[in-house]
N, C-alpha and C. Protein backbone atom coordinates (compact mmCIF):
# COMPACT_ATOMS: atom_id res chain seq x y z
N UNK A 1 0.89 -1.08 -0.02
CA UNK A 1 -0.10 0.03 -0.01
C UNK A 1 0.70 1.25 -0.03
N UNK A 2 0.63 2.27 -0.95
CA UNK A 2 1.33 3.24 -1.05
C UNK A 2 0.99 4.21 0.00
N UNK A 3 1.89 5.06 0.76
CA UNK A 3 1.68 5.94 1.81
C UNK A 3 0.91 7.19 1.27
N UNK A 4 -0.11 7.72 2.03
CA UNK A 4 -0.91 8.76 1.74
C UNK A 4 -0.05 10.04 1.48
N UNK A 5 -0.25 10.80 0.20
CA UNK A 5 0.71 11.78 -0.09
C UNK A 5 -0.11 13.25 0.26
N UNK A 6 -1.24 13.27 0.39
CA UNK A 6 -2.00 14.45 0.77
C UNK A 6 -3.35 14.14 1.59
N UNK A 7 -3.69 15.15 2.29
CA UNK A 7 -4.82 15.12 3.22
C UNK A 7 -5.80 16.24 2.52
N UNK A 8 -7.06 15.92 2.30
CA UNK A 8 -7.95 16.89 1.68
C UNK A 8 -9.33 17.32 2.49
N UNK A 9 -9.50 18.50 2.34
CA UNK A 9 -10.78 18.80 3.18
C UNK A 9 -11.56 19.74 2.10
N UNK A 10 -12.93 19.89 2.40
CA UNK A 10 -13.65 20.81 1.36
C UNK A 10 -13.47 22.25 2.00
N UNK A 11 -13.14 23.10 0.94
CA UNK A 11 -12.96 24.50 1.33
C UNK A 11 -13.91 25.11 2.16
N UNK A 12 -15.26 24.60 1.98
CA UNK A 12 -16.52 25.38 2.81
C UNK A 12 -16.31 24.91 4.32
N UNK A 13 -15.47 23.78 4.73
CA UNK A 13 -15.40 23.46 5.95
C UNK A 13 -14.64 24.07 6.73
N UNK A 14 -13.83 24.97 6.26
CA UNK A 14 -12.68 25.81 6.90
C UNK A 14 -12.87 27.14 6.74
N UNK A 15 -13.40 27.80 7.89
CA UNK A 15 -14.14 29.11 8.10
C UNK A 15 -12.97 30.13 8.67
N UNK A 16 -13.04 31.24 8.10
CA UNK A 16 -12.15 32.31 8.47
C UNK A 16 -12.14 32.58 10.16
N UNK A 17 -10.91 32.69 10.40
CA UNK A 17 -10.56 32.71 12.03
C UNK A 17 -11.44 32.02 12.94
N UNK A 18 -11.58 30.85 12.41
CA UNK A 18 -12.67 29.97 13.37
C UNK A 18 -12.06 28.57 13.73
N UNK A 19 -12.74 27.55 13.96
CA UNK A 19 -12.07 26.33 14.44
C UNK A 19 -11.14 25.89 13.21
N UNK A 20 -10.01 25.26 13.61
CA UNK A 20 -9.22 24.59 12.63
C UNK A 20 -9.57 23.15 12.44
N UNK A 21 -9.17 22.61 11.53
CA UNK A 21 -9.51 21.21 11.27
C UNK A 21 -8.12 20.41 11.52
N UNK A 22 -8.56 19.40 12.28
CA UNK A 22 -7.34 18.35 12.74
C UNK A 22 -7.29 17.25 11.75
N UNK A 23 -6.06 16.80 11.64
CA UNK A 23 -5.88 15.39 10.85
C UNK A 23 -4.59 14.66 11.43
N UNK A 24 -4.56 13.47 11.60
CA UNK A 24 -3.42 12.76 11.71
C UNK A 24 -2.25 12.65 10.99
N UNK A 25 -1.14 12.37 11.54
CA UNK A 25 0.09 12.66 10.46
C UNK A 25 0.79 11.20 11.01
N UNK A 26 0.40 10.02 10.28
CA UNK A 26 1.02 8.85 10.63
C UNK A 26 2.53 8.62 10.27
N UNK A 27 2.86 9.46 9.34
CA UNK A 27 4.29 9.18 9.09
C UNK A 27 5.18 9.92 10.13
N UNK A 28 4.84 10.50 11.08
CA UNK A 28 5.38 11.16 12.16
C UNK A 28 5.23 10.40 13.52
N UNK A 29 4.13 9.38 13.57
CA UNK A 29 4.07 8.67 14.65
C UNK A 29 2.35 8.68 15.05
N UNK A 30 2.02 7.50 15.74
CA UNK A 30 0.64 7.35 16.03
C UNK A 30 0.06 8.63 16.66
N UNK A 31 0.52 9.35 17.51
CA UNK A 31 -0.13 10.39 18.25
C UNK A 31 0.19 11.76 17.81
N UNK A 32 0.76 11.99 16.71
CA UNK A 32 1.11 13.22 16.04
C UNK A 32 0.04 13.80 15.14
N UNK A 33 -0.37 14.88 15.29
CA UNK A 33 -1.48 15.43 14.40
C UNK A 33 -0.99 16.66 13.69
N UNK A 34 -1.92 17.15 12.82
CA UNK A 34 -1.60 18.44 12.08
C UNK A 34 -3.04 19.06 12.38
N UNK A 35 -2.90 20.40 11.74
CA UNK A 35 -4.11 21.13 11.77
C UNK A 35 -4.03 22.23 10.66
N UNK A 36 -5.13 22.72 10.18
CA UNK A 36 -5.13 23.75 9.10
C UNK A 36 -6.30 24.74 9.53
N UNK A 37 -5.85 26.09 9.42
CA UNK A 37 -6.71 27.17 9.71
C UNK A 37 -6.88 28.10 8.60
N UNK A 38 -7.87 28.81 8.51
CA UNK A 38 -8.04 29.81 7.45
C UNK A 38 -7.83 31.18 8.12
N UNK A 39 -7.05 32.02 7.49
CA UNK A 39 -6.65 33.43 8.19
C UNK A 39 -6.52 34.47 6.77
N UNK A 40 -7.30 35.37 7.02
CA UNK A 40 -7.38 36.38 5.93
C UNK A 40 -7.53 35.78 4.65
N UNK A 41 -8.38 34.93 4.51
CA UNK A 41 -8.80 34.29 3.24
C UNK A 41 -7.91 33.29 2.74
N UNK A 42 -6.84 32.85 3.54
CA UNK A 42 -5.85 31.88 2.99
C UNK A 42 -5.85 30.73 4.10
N UNK A 43 -5.53 29.51 3.48
CA UNK A 43 -5.40 28.31 4.28
C UNK A 43 -3.88 28.16 4.69
N UNK A 44 -3.75 27.76 6.15
CA UNK A 44 -2.40 27.80 6.52
C UNK A 44 -2.57 26.36 7.35
N UNK A 45 -1.28 25.51 7.21
CA UNK A 45 -1.35 24.15 7.84
C UNK A 45 0.08 24.05 8.72
N UNK A 46 0.02 23.45 9.84
CA UNK A 46 1.10 23.31 10.72
C UNK A 46 0.84 21.92 11.41
N UNK A 47 1.96 21.51 11.81
CA UNK A 47 2.05 20.17 12.69
C UNK A 47 1.71 20.68 14.09
N UNK A 48 0.85 20.00 14.69
CA UNK A 48 0.09 20.39 16.06
C UNK A 48 0.94 20.12 17.21
N UNK A 49 2.09 20.99 17.14
CA UNK A 49 3.18 20.92 18.21
C UNK A 49 3.64 22.29 18.64
N UNK A 50 3.66 22.66 19.77
CA UNK A 50 4.15 24.02 20.22
C UNK A 50 5.68 23.90 19.72
N UNK A 51 6.23 25.02 19.56
CA UNK A 51 7.70 25.07 19.37
C UNK A 51 8.58 25.15 20.58
N UNK A 52 7.84 25.19 21.84
CA UNK A 52 8.44 25.29 23.39
C UNK A 52 8.56 23.96 23.71
N UNK A 53 7.58 23.05 23.69
CA UNK A 53 7.77 21.75 24.09
C UNK A 53 6.65 20.99 23.20
N UNK A 54 6.89 19.84 22.78
CA UNK A 54 6.05 18.93 21.85
C UNK A 54 4.66 18.73 22.40
N UNK A 55 3.79 19.67 22.65
CA UNK A 55 2.31 19.36 23.05
C UNK A 55 1.46 20.16 22.13
N UNK A 56 0.14 19.40 22.04
CA UNK A 56 -0.71 20.12 21.13
C UNK A 56 -1.08 21.27 21.30
N UNK A 57 -1.33 22.32 20.49
CA UNK A 57 -1.65 23.53 20.90
C UNK A 57 -3.19 23.76 21.53
N UNK A 58 -4.08 22.80 20.72
CA UNK A 58 -5.54 23.08 21.38
C UNK A 58 -5.95 22.02 22.42
N UNK A 59 -6.30 22.72 23.47
CA UNK A 59 -6.98 21.83 24.52
C UNK A 59 -8.33 21.40 24.01
N UNK A 60 -9.16 22.28 23.71
CA UNK A 60 -10.43 21.98 23.01
C UNK A 60 -10.22 21.79 21.53
N UNK A 61 -10.65 20.62 20.96
CA UNK A 61 -10.23 20.25 19.70
C UNK A 61 -10.67 21.33 18.68
N UNK A 62 -9.74 21.75 17.97
CA UNK A 62 -9.79 22.96 16.89
C UNK A 62 -9.71 24.09 17.14
N UNK A 63 -9.54 24.48 18.40
CA UNK A 63 -9.46 25.87 19.09
C UNK A 63 -8.16 26.34 19.08
N UNK A 64 -7.65 27.08 17.98
CA UNK A 64 -6.19 27.44 17.73
C UNK A 64 -6.15 28.83 17.95
N UNK A 65 -7.07 29.69 17.79
CA UNK A 65 -7.10 31.13 17.75
C UNK A 65 -7.31 31.60 19.30
N UNK A 66 -6.52 32.83 19.33
CA UNK A 66 -6.81 33.61 20.71
C UNK A 66 -8.18 34.34 20.48
N UNK A 67 -8.62 34.78 21.81
CA UNK A 67 -10.05 35.13 21.77
C UNK A 67 -10.21 36.51 20.64
N UNK A 68 -9.24 37.05 20.40
CA UNK A 68 -9.35 38.24 19.45
C UNK A 68 -9.20 37.66 18.10
N UNK A 69 -8.73 36.45 17.96
CA UNK A 69 -8.76 35.91 16.36
C UNK A 69 -7.56 36.54 15.70
N UNK A 70 -6.44 36.94 16.31
CA UNK A 70 -5.51 37.40 15.70
C UNK A 70 -4.18 36.56 15.68
N UNK A 71 -3.90 35.60 16.56
CA UNK A 71 -2.83 34.65 16.66
C UNK A 71 -3.42 33.41 17.06
N UNK A 72 -2.58 32.44 16.75
CA UNK A 72 -2.71 31.12 17.01
C UNK A 72 -2.08 30.97 18.36
N UNK A 73 -2.56 30.10 19.33
CA UNK A 73 -2.02 30.11 20.67
C UNK A 73 -1.91 28.74 21.28
N UNK A 74 -0.90 28.53 22.01
CA UNK A 74 -0.66 27.10 22.72
C UNK A 74 -1.52 27.27 23.95
N UNK A 75 -2.41 26.33 24.11
CA UNK A 75 -3.26 26.46 25.43
C UNK A 75 -2.73 26.01 26.69
N UNK A 76 -1.21 25.37 26.44
CA UNK A 76 -0.73 25.08 27.66
C UNK A 76 0.21 26.01 28.12
N UNK A 77 0.93 26.87 27.08
CA UNK A 77 1.98 27.90 27.70
C UNK A 77 1.66 29.19 27.25
N UNK A 78 0.55 29.27 26.35
CA UNK A 78 0.13 30.68 26.12
C UNK A 78 1.14 31.24 24.86
N UNK A 79 1.88 30.58 24.34
CA UNK A 79 2.79 31.01 23.18
C UNK A 79 1.71 31.56 22.27
N UNK A 80 1.96 32.67 21.58
CA UNK A 80 1.35 33.30 20.47
C UNK A 80 1.99 33.09 18.87
N UNK A 81 1.26 32.72 17.99
CA UNK A 81 2.06 32.48 16.76
C UNK A 81 1.32 33.25 15.64
N UNK A 82 2.03 33.69 15.03
CA UNK A 82 1.44 34.29 13.63
C UNK A 82 0.75 33.37 12.75
N UNK A 83 -0.52 33.59 12.53
CA UNK A 83 -1.16 32.47 11.87
C UNK A 83 -0.60 32.25 10.24
N UNK A 84 -0.16 33.33 9.60
CA UNK A 84 0.56 33.14 8.20
C UNK A 84 1.86 32.65 8.19
N UNK A 85 2.63 32.76 9.23
CA UNK A 85 3.91 32.11 9.28
C UNK A 85 4.38 31.21 10.28
N UNK A 86 3.56 31.11 11.37
CA UNK A 86 3.68 30.17 12.31
C UNK A 86 4.92 30.67 13.31
N UNK A 87 5.20 31.79 13.13
CA UNK A 87 6.61 32.54 13.99
C UNK A 87 5.93 32.70 15.23
N UNK A 88 6.54 32.51 16.22
CA UNK A 88 6.13 32.77 17.86
C UNK A 88 6.60 34.13 18.15
N UNK A 89 5.50 35.04 18.43
CA UNK A 89 5.75 36.42 18.73
C UNK A 89 5.68 36.80 20.14
N UNK A 90 5.27 35.89 20.94
CA UNK A 90 5.04 35.91 22.35
C UNK A 90 4.94 34.62 23.06
N UNK A 91 5.75 34.67 24.24
CA UNK A 91 5.77 33.26 25.06
C UNK A 91 6.97 32.76 25.29
N UNK A 92 7.10 31.46 25.84
CA UNK A 92 8.32 30.87 26.05
C UNK A 92 9.14 30.44 24.77
N UNK A 93 8.60 30.44 23.62
CA UNK A 93 9.20 29.96 22.34
C UNK A 93 9.55 31.22 21.46
N UNK A 94 9.24 32.34 21.85
CA UNK A 94 9.67 33.57 21.16
C UNK A 94 10.88 33.27 20.34
N UNK A 95 10.32 33.68 19.01
CA UNK A 95 11.52 33.53 18.02
C UNK A 95 11.75 32.08 17.17
N UNK A 96 11.09 31.18 17.70
CA UNK A 96 10.78 29.86 17.14
C UNK A 96 9.56 29.99 16.19
N UNK A 97 9.53 28.78 15.50
CA UNK A 97 8.21 28.58 14.79
C UNK A 97 7.54 27.37 14.77
N UNK A 98 6.31 27.32 14.62
CA UNK A 98 5.65 26.17 14.42
C UNK A 98 6.23 25.42 12.95
N UNK A 99 5.95 24.13 12.95
CA UNK A 99 6.26 23.41 11.70
C UNK A 99 5.40 23.49 10.55
N UNK A 100 5.53 24.36 9.59
CA UNK A 100 4.68 24.69 8.47
C UNK A 100 4.49 23.24 7.58
N UNK A 101 3.12 23.13 7.15
CA UNK A 101 3.07 21.95 6.21
C UNK A 101 2.54 22.68 4.65
N UNK A 102 3.10 22.17 3.52
CA UNK A 102 2.80 22.95 2.29
C UNK A 102 1.03 22.82 2.28
N UNK A 103 0.46 23.67 1.73
CA UNK A 103 -1.04 23.71 1.48
C UNK A 103 -1.44 24.41 0.29
N UNK A 104 -2.27 23.77 -0.50
CA UNK A 104 -2.84 24.60 -1.57
C UNK A 104 -4.27 24.52 -1.54
N UNK A 105 -4.89 25.48 -2.29
CA UNK A 105 -6.56 25.39 -2.20
C UNK A 105 -6.79 25.58 -3.52
N UNK A 106 -7.54 24.63 -4.21
CA UNK A 106 -7.95 24.57 -5.62
C UNK A 106 -9.17 23.72 -5.77
N UNK A 107 -10.01 24.16 -6.69
CA UNK A 107 -11.43 23.67 -7.00
C UNK A 107 -12.21 23.11 -5.74
N UNK A 108 -12.35 24.36 -4.77
CA UNK A 108 -13.16 24.12 -3.60
C UNK A 108 -12.43 22.95 -2.71
N UNK A 109 -11.25 22.55 -2.77
CA UNK A 109 -10.33 21.88 -1.86
C UNK A 109 -9.28 22.16 -1.27
N UNK A 110 -9.05 22.04 0.15
CA UNK A 110 -7.94 22.39 0.81
C UNK A 110 -7.02 21.29 0.75
N UNK A 111 -5.80 21.28 0.39
CA UNK A 111 -4.97 20.01 0.08
C UNK A 111 -3.62 20.19 0.76
N UNK A 112 -3.37 19.41 1.90
CA UNK A 112 -2.07 19.42 2.73
C UNK A 112 -1.28 18.42 2.05
N UNK A 113 0.13 18.75 1.67
CA UNK A 113 0.83 17.97 1.20
C UNK A 113 1.63 17.25 2.27
N UNK A 114 1.76 16.03 2.47
CA UNK A 114 2.45 15.50 3.51
C UNK A 114 3.47 14.47 2.89
N UNK A 115 3.75 14.46 1.56
CA UNK A 115 4.68 13.38 1.06
C UNK A 115 6.06 13.73 1.40
N UNK A 116 6.35 14.96 1.78
CA UNK A 116 7.71 15.26 2.30
C UNK A 116 7.92 15.47 3.69
N UNK A 117 7.06 14.92 4.43
CA UNK A 117 6.91 15.28 5.91
C UNK A 117 8.14 14.85 6.69
N UNK A 118 8.52 13.68 6.36
CA UNK A 118 9.77 13.17 7.25
C UNK A 118 10.98 14.15 6.86
N UNK A 119 11.08 14.79 6.05
CA UNK A 119 12.23 15.62 5.58
C UNK A 119 12.02 17.12 6.40
N UNK A 120 10.84 17.45 6.49
CA UNK A 120 10.58 18.81 7.31
C UNK A 120 10.48 18.73 8.86
N UNK A 121 10.08 17.64 9.13
CA UNK A 121 9.85 17.78 10.81
C UNK A 121 11.07 17.61 11.39
N UNK A 122 11.15 18.43 12.50
CA UNK A 122 12.52 18.62 13.33
C UNK A 122 12.56 17.40 14.25
N UNK A 123 13.59 17.11 14.85
CA UNK A 123 13.85 16.15 16.05
C UNK A 123 13.39 16.84 17.09
N UNK A 124 12.63 16.12 18.15
CA UNK A 124 12.32 16.77 19.29
C UNK A 124 13.10 16.07 20.66
């Protein structure tokens, strides 16, 4: 069986500055997930691990944005990340970044490309 190369969602399921969509990332391990959010009209996908310590960002599934909807936030340590870059602007990991996943949106589909995942994931 060929490993999965993409993860696809319907574009209409991903709402502006709202709940993110989570997905499993089997190439990285049984418990590793990723997520995709929409910010200023564009989809952004990341590995669901804080840059400070490898914990998932969302305590409540899909809740990645701050209350003001301007940053992604780690529910454990309060680190704030720029949604469009994953760069940590505030918190214990300031200056580090979330691990971005390549994402495209075409024909009402959000497509996350995971075929190169093992090459982009950092060792923790």
